[in-house]
Amino acid sequence: MFDPKPISKDSIPRALSKAERYRLLNEPFQAESICRDILAADPANQDATVCLVLALTDMFETGDAKVDDARTLAATLAGAYERLYYEGVVQERWASALLVGGYPASSVYDLFCSAMQRFEDARALAPGANDDAVLRWNACVRMMARHGLTPEDESEIGDTCSLDDDVPMR
């Protein structure tokens, strides 16, 4: 089996630019690979961590990435605002992927609410005129309205169903 070759620290800015470009070209696997190379050379690189989180969330719909991996990475971000914001992005994009995957709207509702809570918490810490968290919160509101998402009626669950996590079974 082959091992990945290391990149130099001097090449990181160029590599990061390529990773972002691959995300925009809808090639998240390429972006993920590059970000992992950057993080191998510079484990504390916050830009590469953010790009990797986003590349992983790009792959949720295809099942090529695990939500727990993206959550774990988002939790490593240095700033409280960044952590909350990207944890919200992970939750929002996971909820959207489940919705596209045919999961019942009521089971996805709580995931959107969780994302919105993180965006609300991030908003309180946002620097200056940064309304990114508000924009994402608003997108969640509109997505929930578009799909008629409402809380699951607990009386319909009964004793035959138990939900152990905020992630529906696949």
N, C-alpha and C. Protein backbone atom coordinates (compact mmCIF):
# COMPACT_ATOMS: atom_id res chain seq x y z
N MET A 1 0.84 -1.19 0.00
CA MET A 1 0.00 0.00 0.00
C MET A 1 0.88 1.24 0.00
N PHE A 2 0.43 2.28 -0.61
CA PHE A 2 1.17 3.53 -0.70
C PHE A 2 0.80 4.45 0.45
N ASP A 3 1.74 5.27 0.87
CA ASP A 3 1.50 6.31 1.86
C ASP A 3 1.51 7.67 1.18
N PRO A 4 0.69 8.60 1.65
CA PRO A 4 0.72 9.95 1.07
C PRO A 4 2.08 10.60 1.29
N LYS A 5 2.49 11.40 0.33
CA LYS A 5 3.75 12.14 0.45
C LYS A 5 3.47 13.47 1.14
N PRO A 6 4.39 13.91 1.96
CA PRO A 6 4.19 15.19 2.66
C PRO A 6 4.38 16.38 1.73
N ILE A 7 3.73 17.47 2.08
CA ILE A 7 3.93 18.73 1.36
C ILE A 7 4.76 19.65 2.25
N SER A 8 5.39 20.63 1.65
CA SER A 8 6.19 21.58 2.43
C SER A 8 5.27 22.66 3.01
N LYS A 9 5.71 23.23 4.10
CA LYS A 9 4.93 24.32 4.71
C LYS A 9 4.83 25.52 3.79
N ASP A 10 5.86 25.71 2.97
CA ASP A 10 5.85 26.84 2.03
C ASP A 10 4.77 26.71 0.97
N SER A 11 4.31 25.49 0.70
CA SER A 11 3.31 25.28 -0.35
C SER A 11 1.87 25.39 0.18
N ILE A 12 1.72 25.60 1.47
CA ILE A 12 0.38 25.60 2.07
C ILE A 12 -0.55 26.65 1.48
N PRO A 13 -0.15 27.91 1.31
CA PRO A 13 -1.09 28.89 0.74
C PRO A 13 -1.61 28.47 -0.64
N ARG A 14 -0.73 27.97 -1.47
CA ARG A 14 -1.14 27.52 -2.81
C ARG A 14 -2.06 26.30 -2.71
N ALA A 15 -1.72 25.37 -1.84
CA ALA A 15 -2.54 24.17 -1.66
C ALA A 15 -3.93 24.54 -1.15
N LEU A 16 -3.98 25.47 -0.21
CA LEU A 16 -5.28 25.90 0.33
C LEU A 16 -6.13 26.54 -0.76
N SER A 17 -5.51 27.32 -1.62
CA SER A 17 -6.23 27.92 -2.73
C SER A 17 -6.80 26.84 -3.65
N LYS A 18 -6.02 25.80 -3.90
CA LYS A 18 -6.50 24.69 -4.73
C LYS A 18 -7.66 23.96 -4.05
N ALA A 19 -7.56 23.75 -2.76
CA ALA A 19 -8.64 23.06 -2.03
C ALA A 19 -9.94 23.84 -2.15
N GLU A 20 -9.86 25.14 -1.97
CA GLU A 20 -11.06 25.97 -2.09
C GLU A 20 -11.62 25.93 -3.50
N ARG A 21 -10.73 25.93 -4.49
CA ARG A 21 -11.17 25.85 -5.88
C ARG A 21 -11.88 24.52 -6.16
N TYR A 22 -11.32 23.42 -5.65
CA TYR A 22 -11.95 22.11 -5.86
C TYR A 22 -13.33 22.06 -5.20
N ARG A 23 -13.49 22.70 -4.05
CA ARG A 23 -14.83 22.74 -3.44
C ARG A 23 -15.80 23.46 -4.36
N LEU A 24 -15.35 24.58 -4.94
CA LEU A 24 -16.22 25.34 -5.84
C LEU A 24 -16.53 24.57 -7.12
N LEU A 25 -15.64 23.67 -7.50
CA LEU A 25 -15.86 22.85 -8.69
C LEU A 25 -16.64 21.58 -8.37
N ASN A 26 -17.17 21.51 -7.15
CA ASN A 26 -17.95 20.36 -6.69
C ASN A 26 -17.12 19.07 -6.74
N GLU A 27 -15.87 19.17 -6.29
CA GLU A 27 -14.99 18.03 -6.16
C GLU A 27 -14.51 17.96 -4.71
N PRO A 28 -15.43 17.68 -3.79
CA PRO A 28 -15.07 17.74 -2.37
C PRO A 28 -14.02 16.71 -1.96
N PHE A 29 -13.95 15.57 -2.65
CA PHE A 29 -12.94 14.58 -2.27
C PHE A 29 -11.54 15.15 -2.51
N GLN A 30 -11.34 15.86 -3.63
CA GLN A 30 -10.05 16.48 -3.90
C GLN A 30 -9.73 17.53 -2.84
N ALA A 31 -10.73 18.33 -2.48
CA ALA A 31 -10.53 19.35 -1.46
C ALA A 31 -10.19 18.70 -0.12
N GLU A 32 -10.89 17.63 0.21
CA GLU A 32 -10.61 16.92 1.47
C GLU A 32 -9.17 16.41 1.49
N SER A 33 -8.74 15.80 0.40
CA SER A 33 -7.39 15.25 0.33
C SER A 33 -6.34 16.34 0.53
N ILE A 34 -6.51 17.45 -0.14
CA ILE A 34 -5.56 18.56 -0.03
C ILE A 34 -5.54 19.10 1.40
N CYS A 35 -6.71 19.27 1.98
CA CYS A 35 -6.78 19.79 3.36
C CYS A 35 -6.09 18.85 4.33
N ARG A 36 -6.24 17.56 4.13
CA ARG A 36 -5.55 16.59 4.99
C ARG A 36 -4.04 16.68 4.81
N ASP A 37 -3.58 16.95 3.59
CA ASP A 37 -2.15 17.16 3.36
C ASP A 37 -1.66 18.41 4.09
N ILE A 38 -2.44 19.47 4.01
CA ILE A 38 -2.07 20.71 4.69
C ILE A 38 -2.01 20.48 6.20
N LEU A 39 -3.01 19.82 6.74
CA LEU A 39 -3.06 19.58 8.18
C LEU A 39 -1.96 18.63 8.65
N ALA A 40 -1.50 17.75 7.77
CA ALA A 40 -0.36 16.90 8.13
C ALA A 40 0.91 17.75 8.28
N ALA A 41 1.03 18.80 7.45
CA ALA A 41 2.19 19.68 7.51
C ALA A 41 2.04 20.75 8.59
N ASP A 42 0.80 21.17 8.85
CA ASP A 42 0.52 22.24 9.82
C ASP A 42 -0.79 21.92 10.53
N PRO A 43 -0.73 21.09 11.58
CA PRO A 43 -1.95 20.62 12.24
C PRO A 43 -2.84 21.73 12.81
N ALA A 44 -2.30 22.90 13.05
CA ALA A 44 -3.09 23.99 13.65
C ALA A 44 -3.66 24.93 12.60
N ASN A 45 -3.56 24.61 11.33
CA ASN A 45 -4.01 25.51 10.27
C ASN A 45 -5.54 25.59 10.28
N GLN A 46 -6.04 26.72 10.74
CA GLN A 46 -7.49 26.92 10.88
C GLN A 46 -8.21 27.01 9.54
N ASP A 47 -7.58 27.63 8.55
CA ASP A 47 -8.21 27.73 7.23
C ASP A 47 -8.40 26.35 6.60
N ALA A 48 -7.39 25.49 6.76
CA ALA A 48 -7.50 24.13 6.21
C ALA A 48 -8.55 23.34 6.98
N THR A 49 -8.65 23.57 8.29
CA THR A 49 -9.66 22.87 9.08
C THR A 49 -11.06 23.28 8.63
N VAL A 50 -11.28 24.57 8.44
CA VAL A 50 -12.58 25.04 7.96
C VAL A 50 -12.89 24.46 6.59
N CYS A 51 -11.93 24.50 5.70
CA CYS A 51 -12.14 23.97 4.35
C CYS A 51 -12.44 22.47 4.41
N LEU A 52 -11.76 21.75 5.28
CA LEU A 52 -12.01 20.31 5.43
C LEU A 52 -13.41 20.06 5.97
N VAL A 53 -13.83 20.84 6.96
CA VAL A 53 -15.20 20.70 7.49
C VAL A 53 -16.20 20.89 6.35
N LEU A 54 -16.01 21.93 5.56
CA LEU A 54 -16.95 22.21 4.47
C LEU A 54 -16.90 21.13 3.39
N ALA A 55 -15.71 20.63 3.09
CA ALA A 55 -15.60 19.56 2.09
C ALA A 55 -16.32 18.31 2.58
N LEU A 56 -16.18 18.00 3.85
CA LEU A 56 -16.88 16.83 4.39
C LEU A 56 -18.39 17.02 4.32
N THR A 57 -18.86 18.22 4.66
CA THR A 57 -20.31 18.45 4.60
C THR A 57 -20.82 18.42 3.16
N ASP A 58 -19.95 18.76 2.21
CA ASP A 58 -20.32 18.65 0.80
C ASP A 58 -20.61 17.20 0.41
N MET A 59 -20.04 16.27 1.14
CA MET A 59 -20.18 14.85 0.81
C MET A 59 -21.27 14.15 1.61
N PHE A 60 -22.00 14.87 2.44
CA PHE A 60 -23.05 14.23 3.24
C PHE A 60 -24.11 13.55 2.38
N GLU A 61 -24.57 14.22 1.33
CA GLU A 61 -25.66 13.67 0.52
C GLU A 61 -25.28 12.37 -0.17
N THR A 62 -24.00 12.21 -0.50
CA THR A 62 -23.57 10.99 -1.18
C THR A 62 -23.17 9.90 -0.20
N GLY A 63 -23.12 10.22 1.08
CA GLY A 63 -22.72 9.24 2.09
C GLY A 63 -21.23 9.00 2.14
N ASP A 64 -20.44 9.87 1.51
CA ASP A 64 -18.99 9.70 1.49
C ASP A 64 -18.28 10.34 2.67
N ALA A 65 -19.02 10.93 3.59
CA ALA A 65 -18.42 11.53 4.78
C ALA A 65 -19.33 11.27 5.97
N LYS A 66 -18.72 11.20 7.14
CA LYS A 66 -19.47 10.95 8.37
C LYS A 66 -19.68 12.26 9.12
N VAL A 67 -20.89 12.44 9.60
CA VAL A 67 -21.21 13.66 10.32
C VAL A 67 -20.35 13.81 11.57
N ASP A 68 -20.04 12.72 12.23
CA ASP A 68 -19.22 12.81 13.44
C ASP A 68 -17.81 13.31 13.15
N ASP A 69 -17.28 12.97 11.99
CA ASP A 69 -15.95 13.48 11.61
C ASP A 69 -15.99 15.00 11.45
N ALA A 70 -17.02 15.49 10.79
CA ALA A 70 -17.15 16.94 10.59
C ALA A 70 -17.41 17.65 11.92
N ARG A 71 -18.22 17.07 12.76
CA ARG A 71 -18.49 17.66 14.09
C ARG A 71 -17.21 17.74 14.91
N THR A 72 -16.42 16.67 14.90
CA THR A 72 -15.18 16.62 15.66
C THR A 72 -14.21 17.70 15.18
N LEU A 73 -14.09 17.85 13.87
CA LEU A 73 -13.21 18.88 13.32
C LEU A 73 -13.69 20.28 13.68
N ALA A 74 -14.97 20.54 13.55
CA ALA A 74 -15.51 21.86 13.87
C ALA A 74 -15.23 22.21 15.33
N ALA A 75 -15.29 21.22 16.19
CA ALA A 75 -15.05 21.45 17.62
C ALA A 75 -13.59 21.80 17.92
N THR A 76 -12.69 21.57 16.97
CA THR A 76 -11.27 21.88 17.20
C THR A 76 -10.90 23.31 16.80
N LEU A 77 -11.82 24.03 16.19
CA LEU A 77 -11.50 25.39 15.77
C LEU A 77 -11.19 26.26 16.99
N ALA A 78 -10.23 27.15 16.84
CA ALA A 78 -9.69 27.90 17.97
C ALA A 78 -10.66 28.92 18.57
N GLY A 79 -11.36 29.65 17.73
CA GLY A 79 -12.24 30.70 18.23
C GLY A 79 -13.63 30.19 18.58
N ALA A 80 -14.21 30.75 19.63
CA ALA A 80 -15.55 30.33 20.05
C ALA A 80 -16.58 30.62 18.95
N TYR A 81 -16.46 31.79 18.31
CA TYR A 81 -17.40 32.12 17.23
C TYR A 81 -17.29 31.09 16.11
N GLU A 82 -16.07 30.80 15.67
CA GLU A 82 -15.85 29.86 14.58
C GLU A 82 -16.36 28.47 14.93
N ARG A 83 -16.09 28.04 16.15
CA ARG A 83 -16.57 26.72 16.59
C ARG A 83 -18.08 26.64 16.50
N LEU A 84 -18.76 27.60 17.08
CA LEU A 84 -20.22 27.59 17.07
C LEU A 84 -20.78 27.70 15.65
N TYR A 85 -20.21 28.60 14.87
CA TYR A 85 -20.70 28.81 13.52
C TYR A 85 -20.57 27.54 12.68
N TYR A 86 -19.40 26.93 12.69
CA TYR A 86 -19.19 25.75 11.85
C TYR A 86 -19.87 24.50 12.43
N GLU A 87 -20.05 24.43 13.73
CA GLU A 87 -20.87 23.35 14.29
C GLU A 87 -22.30 23.49 13.78
N GLY A 88 -22.78 24.74 13.68
CA GLY A 88 -24.10 24.98 13.11
C GLY A 88 -24.18 24.60 11.64
N VAL A 89 -23.13 24.92 10.89
CA VAL A 89 -23.10 24.56 9.47
C VAL A 89 -23.16 23.04 9.31
N VAL A 90 -22.41 22.33 10.14
CA VAL A 90 -22.43 20.86 10.07
C VAL A 90 -23.84 20.35 10.33
N GLN A 91 -24.49 20.84 11.38
CA GLN A 91 -25.84 20.39 11.72
C GLN A 91 -26.82 20.72 10.59
N GLU A 92 -26.73 21.94 10.07
CA GLU A 92 -27.64 22.36 9.01
C GLU A 92 -27.46 21.50 7.76
N ARG A 93 -26.23 21.27 7.35
CA ARG A 93 -25.98 20.51 6.13
C ARG A 93 -26.30 19.03 6.32
N TRP A 94 -26.13 18.51 7.54
CA TRP A 94 -26.53 17.13 7.83
C TRP A 94 -28.05 17.01 7.73
N ALA A 95 -28.75 17.96 8.32
CA ALA A 95 -30.21 17.96 8.26
C ALA A 95 -30.69 18.03 6.80
N SER A 96 -30.08 18.90 6.02
CA SER A 96 -30.46 19.03 4.60
C SER A 96 -30.20 17.73 3.85
N ALA A 97 -29.07 17.08 4.13
CA ALA A 97 -28.75 15.82 3.45
C ALA A 97 -29.75 14.74 3.81
N LEU A 98 -30.16 14.69 5.06
CA LEU A 98 -31.15 13.70 5.48
C LEU A 98 -32.50 13.98 4.81
N LEU A 99 -32.84 15.25 4.72
CA LEU A 99 -34.10 15.63 4.08
C LEU A 99 -34.09 15.21 2.61
N VAL A 100 -33.00 15.48 1.91
CA VAL A 100 -32.87 15.07 0.51
C VAL A 100 -32.88 13.55 0.40
N GLY A 101 -32.33 12.88 1.42
CA GLY A 101 -32.28 11.43 1.42
C GLY A 101 -33.59 10.75 1.75
N GLY A 102 -34.63 11.54 1.99
CA GLY A 102 -35.95 10.98 2.20
C GLY A 102 -36.34 10.72 3.65
N TYR A 103 -35.56 11.22 4.59
CA TYR A 103 -35.95 11.04 5.99
C TYR A 103 -37.20 11.87 6.29
N PRO A 104 -38.01 11.41 7.21
CA PRO A 104 -39.22 12.16 7.55
C PRO A 104 -38.89 13.56 8.06
N ALA A 105 -39.67 14.50 7.60
CA ALA A 105 -39.44 15.90 7.97
C ALA A 105 -39.40 16.08 9.48
N SER A 106 -40.25 15.38 10.19
CA SER A 106 -40.31 15.57 11.64
C SER A 106 -39.02 15.10 12.33
N SER A 107 -38.33 14.13 11.73
CA SER A 107 -37.10 13.66 12.36
C SER A 107 -35.93 14.60 12.07
N VAL A 108 -36.07 15.46 11.08
CA VAL A 108 -35.01 16.38 10.71
C VAL A 108 -35.18 17.73 11.42
N TYR A 109 -36.36 18.01 11.87
CA TYR A 109 -36.69 19.28 12.52
C TYR A 109 -35.71 19.61 13.64
N ASP A 110 -35.44 18.66 14.52
CA ASP A 110 -34.57 18.92 15.66
C ASP A 110 -33.14 19.26 15.23
N LEU A 111 -32.69 18.67 14.14
CA LEU A 111 -31.35 18.98 13.65
C LEU A 111 -31.26 20.43 13.17
N PHE A 112 -32.30 20.89 12.48
CA PHE A 112 -32.31 22.29 12.07
C PHE A 112 -32.36 23.21 13.29
N CYS A 113 -33.15 22.83 14.29
CA CYS A 113 -33.22 23.65 15.50
C CYS A 113 -31.87 23.70 16.21
N SER A 114 -31.17 22.58 16.22
CA SER A 114 -29.84 22.53 16.82
C SER A 114 -28.88 23.46 16.08
N ALA A 115 -28.94 23.44 14.76
CA ALA A 115 -28.11 24.33 13.95
C ALA A 115 -28.44 25.79 14.26
N MET A 116 -29.73 26.07 14.33
CA MET A 116 -30.17 27.45 14.58
C MET A 116 -29.70 27.94 15.95
N GLN A 117 -29.70 27.06 16.94
CA GLN A 117 -29.22 27.45 18.27
C GLN A 117 -27.74 27.79 18.22
N ARG A 118 -26.97 27.02 17.48
CA ARG A 118 -25.53 27.31 17.35
C ARG A 118 -25.33 28.63 16.61
N PHE A 119 -26.12 28.90 15.58
CA PHE A 119 -26.01 30.16 14.86
C PHE A 119 -26.38 31.33 15.78
N GLU A 120 -27.40 31.13 16.59
CA GLU A 120 -27.80 32.18 17.53
C GLU A 120 -26.68 32.45 18.54
N ASP A 121 -26.07 31.39 19.05
CA ASP A 121 -24.96 31.55 20.00
C ASP A 121 -23.76 32.21 19.33
N ALA A 122 -23.49 31.84 18.08
CA ALA A 122 -22.37 32.43 17.35
C ALA A 122 -22.63 33.91 17.08
N ARG A 123 -23.87 34.24 16.78
CA ARG A 123 -24.24 35.63 16.49
C ARG A 123 -23.85 36.56 17.64
N ALA A 124 -24.02 36.08 18.86
CA ALA A 124 -23.68 36.89 20.03
C ALA A 124 -22.18 37.16 20.12
N LEU A 125 -21.37 36.34 19.46
CA LEU A 125 -19.91 36.49 19.50
C LEU A 125 -19.33 37.04 18.21
N ALA A 126 -20.19 37.34 17.24
CA ALA A 126 -19.73 37.74 15.90
C ALA A 126 -18.96 39.05 15.96
N PRO A 127 -17.85 39.09 15.24
CA PRO A 127 -17.07 40.33 15.19
C PRO A 127 -17.71 41.36 14.26
N GLY A 128 -17.68 42.60 14.66
CA GLY A 128 -18.09 43.72 13.81
C GLY A 128 -19.40 43.52 13.08
N ALA A 129 -19.34 43.78 11.78
CA ALA A 129 -20.53 43.71 10.94
C ALA A 129 -20.65 42.34 10.29
N ASN A 130 -20.34 41.30 11.01
CA ASN A 130 -20.40 39.94 10.48
C ASN A 130 -21.77 39.34 10.80
N ASP A 131 -22.62 39.23 9.81
CA ASP A 131 -23.95 38.65 9.97
C ASP A 131 -24.05 37.25 9.36
N ASP A 132 -22.92 36.57 9.19
CA ASP A 132 -22.94 35.23 8.59
C ASP A 132 -23.86 34.28 9.35
N ALA A 133 -23.81 34.33 10.67
CA ALA A 133 -24.65 33.43 11.47
C ALA A 133 -26.14 33.74 11.28
N VAL A 134 -26.45 35.02 11.11
CA VAL A 134 -27.84 35.41 10.86
C VAL A 134 -28.30 34.89 9.51
N LEU A 135 -27.43 34.99 8.51
CA LEU A 135 -27.78 34.50 7.17
C LEU A 135 -28.06 33.00 7.20
N ARG A 136 -27.25 32.24 7.93
CA ARG A 136 -27.46 30.79 8.02
C ARG A 136 -28.73 30.48 8.81
N TRP A 137 -28.97 31.23 9.89
CA TRP A 137 -30.18 31.04 10.70
C TRP A 137 -31.41 31.26 9.81
N ASN A 138 -31.37 32.34 9.03
CA ASN A 138 -32.49 32.64 8.13
C ASN A 138 -32.67 31.54 7.09
N ALA A 139 -31.58 30.99 6.57
CA ALA A 139 -31.68 29.90 5.60
C ALA A 139 -32.35 28.68 6.22
N CYS A 140 -32.03 28.40 7.49
CA CYS A 140 -32.69 27.29 8.19
C CYS A 140 -34.19 27.54 8.32
N VAL A 141 -34.55 28.76 8.68
CA VAL A 141 -35.97 29.12 8.82
C VAL A 141 -36.69 28.89 7.49
N ARG A 142 -36.08 29.33 6.42
CA ARG A 142 -36.71 29.19 5.10
C ARG A 142 -36.78 27.73 4.64
N MET A 143 -35.74 26.97 4.94
CA MET A 143 -35.75 25.55 4.57
C MET A 143 -36.84 24.82 5.34
N MET A 144 -36.97 25.13 6.62
CA MET A 144 -38.00 24.48 7.44
C MET A 144 -39.40 24.85 6.92
N ALA A 145 -39.57 26.11 6.54
CA ALA A 145 -40.87 26.54 6.01
C ALA A 145 -41.16 25.87 4.66
N ARG A 146 -40.15 25.81 3.81
CA ARG A 146 -40.32 25.22 2.48
C ARG A 146 -40.76 23.76 2.56
N HIS A 147 -40.22 23.05 3.54
CA HIS A 147 -40.53 21.62 3.67
C HIS A 147 -41.57 21.32 4.74
N GLY A 148 -42.17 22.38 5.31
CA GLY A 148 -43.21 22.18 6.32
C GLY A 148 -42.71 21.43 7.55
N LEU A 149 -41.47 21.69 7.95
CA LEU A 149 -40.91 20.98 9.09
C LEU A 149 -41.53 21.46 10.39
N THR A 150 -41.98 20.51 11.18
CA THR A 150 -42.55 20.81 12.49
C THR A 150 -42.02 19.79 13.48
N PRO A 151 -42.13 20.11 14.77
CA PRO A 151 -41.65 19.12 15.75
C PRO A 151 -42.46 17.84 15.65
N GLU A 152 -41.77 16.74 15.92
CA GLU A 152 -42.44 15.45 15.90
C GLU A 152 -43.45 15.39 17.04
N ASP A 153 -44.63 14.91 16.74
CA ASP A 153 -45.67 14.76 17.75
C ASP A 153 -45.35 13.53 18.59
N GLU A 154 -44.95 13.76 19.84
CA GLU A 154 -44.53 12.66 20.70
C GLU A 154 -45.62 11.63 20.94
N SER A 155 -46.87 12.03 20.82
CA SER A 155 -47.95 11.06 21.04
C SER A 155 -47.99 10.01 19.94
N GLU A 156 -47.39 10.32 18.76
CA GLU A 156 -47.37 9.36 17.66
C GLU A 156 -46.23 8.36 17.81
N ILE A 157 -45.23 8.67 18.63
CA ILE A 157 -44.08 7.80 18.77
C ILE A 157 -44.45 6.53 19.53
N GLY A 158 -45.14 6.69 20.62
CA GLY A 158 -45.54 5.53 21.43
C GLY A 158 -44.35 4.83 22.05
N ASP A 159 -44.54 3.60 22.50
CA ASP A 159 -43.48 2.86 23.16
C ASP A 159 -42.67 2.02 22.19
N THR A 160 -43.06 1.97 20.93
CA THR A 160 -42.37 1.09 19.99
C THR A 160 -41.16 1.72 19.35
N CYS A 161 -40.94 3.00 19.54
CA CYS A 161 -39.85 3.69 18.90
C CYS A 161 -39.01 4.41 19.93
N SER A 162 -37.71 4.22 19.87
CA SER A 162 -36.85 5.00 20.75
C SER A 162 -35.79 5.68 19.90
N LEU A 163 -35.58 6.94 20.17
CA LEU A 163 -34.57 7.71 19.46
C LEU A 163 -33.44 7.99 20.44
N ASP A 164 -32.27 7.42 20.15
CA ASP A 164 -31.18 7.53 21.09
C ASP A 164 -30.24 8.67 20.81
N ASP A 165 -30.37 9.34 19.71
CA ASP A 165 -29.44 10.38 19.31
C ASP A 165 -30.19 11.43 18.54
N ASP A 166 -29.46 12.43 18.04
CA ASP A 166 -30.11 13.38 17.17
C ASP A 166 -29.90 12.99 15.71
N VAL A 167 -29.39 11.79 15.47
CA VAL A 167 -29.12 11.33 14.11
C VAL A 167 -30.01 10.14 13.79
N PRO A 168 -30.89 10.27 12.80
CA PRO A 168 -31.73 9.13 12.41
C PRO A 168 -30.89 7.99 11.88
N MET A 169 -31.40 6.77 12.01
CA MET A 169 -30.69 5.60 11.52
C MET A 169 -30.65 5.62 10.00
N ARG A 170 -29.58 5.13 9.43
CA ARG A 170 -29.44 5.01 7.97
C ARG A 170 -29.52 3.57 7.61
